[in-house]
Amino acid sequence: MEFLGTLVIILIATSLFGHLASRVGIPAVIGQLFVGIILGPALLNWVHANDFIHIFSEIGVIILMFIAGLESDLTLLKKIFAS
């Protein structure tokens, strides 16, 4: 049951900081990454790295890269590489 509590803390904190970051005018992903630094072993050490967290972090990275690919402007990318 501990992993469920950890997952809830991560999801609530990332949603909150993502929303606050977008309200300030910076990308939401910056606020979400900031939460990882705060909650992880870098500062507060509330979230400990275990197999559960590792698996979900790998899934999160895959989803993040997929979304970044969907939001990419291919015509702009072609123009940049052509110059």
C-alpha atoms as a PDB file:
ATOM      1  CA  MET A   1       0.000   0.000   0.000  1.00  0.00           C
ATOM      2  CA  GLU A   2       2.974   2.317   0.475  1.00  0.00           C
ATOM      3  CA  PHE A   3       3.523   2.556  -3.287  1.00  0.00           C
ATOM      4  CA  LEU A   4      -0.029   3.819  -3.748  1.00  0.00           C
ATOM      5  CA  GLY A   5       0.540   6.661  -1.282  1.00  0.00           C
ATOM      6  CA  THR A   6       3.814   7.540  -2.973  1.00  0.00           C
ATOM      7  CA  LEU A   7       2.128   7.585  -6.373  1.00  0.00           C
ATOM      8  CA  VAL A   8      -0.674   9.834  -5.072  1.00  0.00           C
ATOM      9  CA  ILE A   9       1.863  12.282  -3.588  1.00  0.00           C
ATOM     10  CA  ILE A  10       3.769  12.418  -6.866  1.00  0.00           C
ATOM     11  CA  LEU A  11       0.650  12.896  -8.992  1.00  0.00           C
ATOM     12  CA  ILE A  12      -0.872  15.607  -6.808  1.00  0.00           C
ATOM     13  CA  ALA A  13       2.401  17.529  -6.453  1.00  0.00           C
ATOM     14  CA  THR A  14       3.220  17.389 -10.161  1.00  0.00           C
ATOM     15  CA  SER A  15      -0.290  18.483 -11.122  1.00  0.00           C
ATOM     16  CA  LEU A  16      -0.202  21.379  -8.669  1.00  0.00           C
ATOM     17  CA  PHE A  17       3.256  22.620  -9.621  1.00  0.00           C
ATOM     18  CA  GLY A  18       2.564  22.131 -13.324  1.00  0.00           C
ATOM     19  CA  HIS A  19      -0.524  24.310 -13.023  1.00  0.00           C
ATOM     20  CA  LEU A  20       1.306  26.943 -10.981  1.00  0.00           C
ATOM     21  CA  ALA A  21       4.184  27.021 -13.454  1.00  0.00           C
ATOM     22  CA  SER A  22       1.844  27.549 -16.391  1.00  0.00           C
ATOM     23  CA  ARG A  23       0.083  30.353 -14.517  1.00  0.00           C
ATOM     24  CA  VAL A  24       3.429  32.074 -13.971  1.00  0.00           C
ATOM     25  CA  GLY A  25       4.231  31.779 -17.654  1.00  0.00           C
ATOM     26  CA  ILE A  26       6.778  28.965 -17.778  1.00  0.00           C
ATOM     27  CA  PRO A  27       6.128  25.522 -19.270  1.00  0.00           C
ATOM     28  CA  ALA A  28       4.255  23.122 -16.995  1.00  0.00           C
ATOM     29  CA  VAL A  29       6.887  20.445 -17.461  1.00  0.00           C
ATOM     30  CA  ILE A  30       9.456  22.694 -15.732  1.00  0.00           C
ATOM     31  CA  GLY A  31       7.245  22.818 -12.640  1.00  0.00           C
ATOM     32  CA  GLN A  32       6.778  19.065 -12.780  1.00  0.00           C
ATOM     33  CA  LEU A  33      10.519  18.466 -13.043  1.00  0.00           C
ATOM     34  CA  PHE A  34      11.030  20.828 -10.119  1.00  0.00           C
ATOM     35  CA  VAL A  35       8.733  18.612  -8.015  1.00  0.00           C
ATOM     36  CA  GLY A  36      10.931  15.626  -8.837  1.00  0.00           C
ATOM     37  CA  ILE A  37      13.955  17.480  -7.548  1.00  0.00           C
ATOM     38  CA  ILE A  38      12.170  18.597  -4.380  1.00  0.00           C
ATOM     39  CA  LEU A  39      10.499  15.288  -3.444  1.00  0.00           C
ATOM     40  CA  GLY A  40      13.367  13.055  -4.539  1.00  0.00           C
ATOM     41  CA  PRO A  41      16.682  12.307  -2.887  1.00  0.00           C
ATOM     42  CA  ALA A  42      18.134  15.671  -3.979  1.00  0.00           C
ATOM     43  CA  LEU A  43      16.273  17.682  -1.299  1.00  0.00           C
ATOM     44  CA  LEU A  44      13.509  16.260   0.888  1.00  0.00           C
ATOM     45  CA  ASN A  45      14.028  12.537   0.148  1.00  0.00           C
ATOM     46  CA  TRP A  46      10.296  11.804   0.600  1.00  0.00           C
ATOM     47  CA  VAL A  47      10.186   9.547  -2.446  1.00  0.00           C
ATOM     48  CA  HIS A  48      12.694   6.721  -2.356  1.00  0.00           C
ATOM     49  CA  ALA A  49      13.830   4.976  -5.501  1.00  0.00           C
ATOM     50  CA  ASN A  50      12.514   1.419  -5.633  1.00  0.00           C
ATOM     51  CA  ASP A  51      11.387  -0.918  -8.414  1.00  0.00           C
ATOM     52  CA  PHE A  52       7.868   0.539  -8.473  1.00  0.00           C
ATOM     53  CA  ILE A  53       9.065   4.122  -8.834  1.00  0.00           C
ATOM     54  CA  HIS A  54      11.659   3.080 -11.416  1.00  0.00           C
ATOM     55  CA  ILE A  55       9.067   1.336 -13.604  1.00  0.00           C
ATOM     56  CA  PHE A  56       6.639   4.265 -13.466  1.00  0.00           C
ATOM     57  CA  SER A  57       9.425   6.761 -14.154  1.00  0.00           C
ATOM     58  CA  GLU A  58      10.431   4.820 -17.272  1.00  0.00           C
ATOM     59  CA  ILE A  59       6.807   4.820 -18.449  1.00  0.00           C
ATOM     60  CA  GLY A  60       6.593   8.558 -17.719  1.00  0.00           C
ATOM     61  CA  VAL A  61       9.697   9.295 -19.791  1.00  0.00           C
ATOM     62  CA  ILE A  62       8.280   7.320 -22.723  1.00  0.00           C
ATOM     63  CA  ILE A  63       4.962   9.185 -22.526  1.00  0.00           C
ATOM     64  CA  LEU A  64       6.753  12.551 -22.193  1.00  0.00           C
ATOM     65  CA  MET A  65       8.856  11.883 -25.299  1.00  0.00           C
ATOM     66  CA  PHE A  66       5.770  10.723 -27.206  1.00  0.00           C
ATOM     67  CA  ILE A  67       3.871  13.900 -26.330  1.00  0.00           C
ATOM     68  CA  ALA A  68       6.881  16.049 -27.248  1.00  0.00           C
ATOM     69  CA  GLY A  69       6.997  14.316 -30.617  1.00  0.00           C
ATOM     70  CA  LEU A  70       3.290  14.933 -31.184  1.00  0.00           C
ATOM     71  CA  GLU A  71       3.652  18.625 -30.393  1.00  0.00           C
ATOM     72  CA  SER A  72       6.660  19.105 -32.691  1.00  0.00           C
ATOM     73  CA  ASP A  73       6.218  21.265 -35.780  1.00  0.00           C
ATOM     74  CA  LEU A  74       7.757  19.278 -38.626  1.00  0.00           C
ATOM     75  CA  THR A  75       7.721  22.163 -41.104  1.00  0.00           C
ATOM     76  CA  LEU A  76       9.709  24.308 -38.678  1.00  0.00           C
ATOM     77  CA  LEU A  77      12.100  21.423 -38.063  1.00  0.00           C
ATOM     78  CA  LYS A  78      12.648  20.969 -41.819  1.00  0.00           C
ATOM     79  CA  LYS A  79      13.264  24.703 -42.200  1.00  0.00           C
ATOM     80  CA  ILE A  80      15.876  24.669 -39.422  1.00  0.00           C
ATOM     81  CA  PHE A  81      17.741  21.670 -40.828  1.00  0.00           C
ATOM     82  CA  ALA A  82      17.630  23.086 -44.373  1.00  0.00           C
ATOM     83  CA  SER A  83      19.461  26.269 -43.359  1.00  0.00           C
END
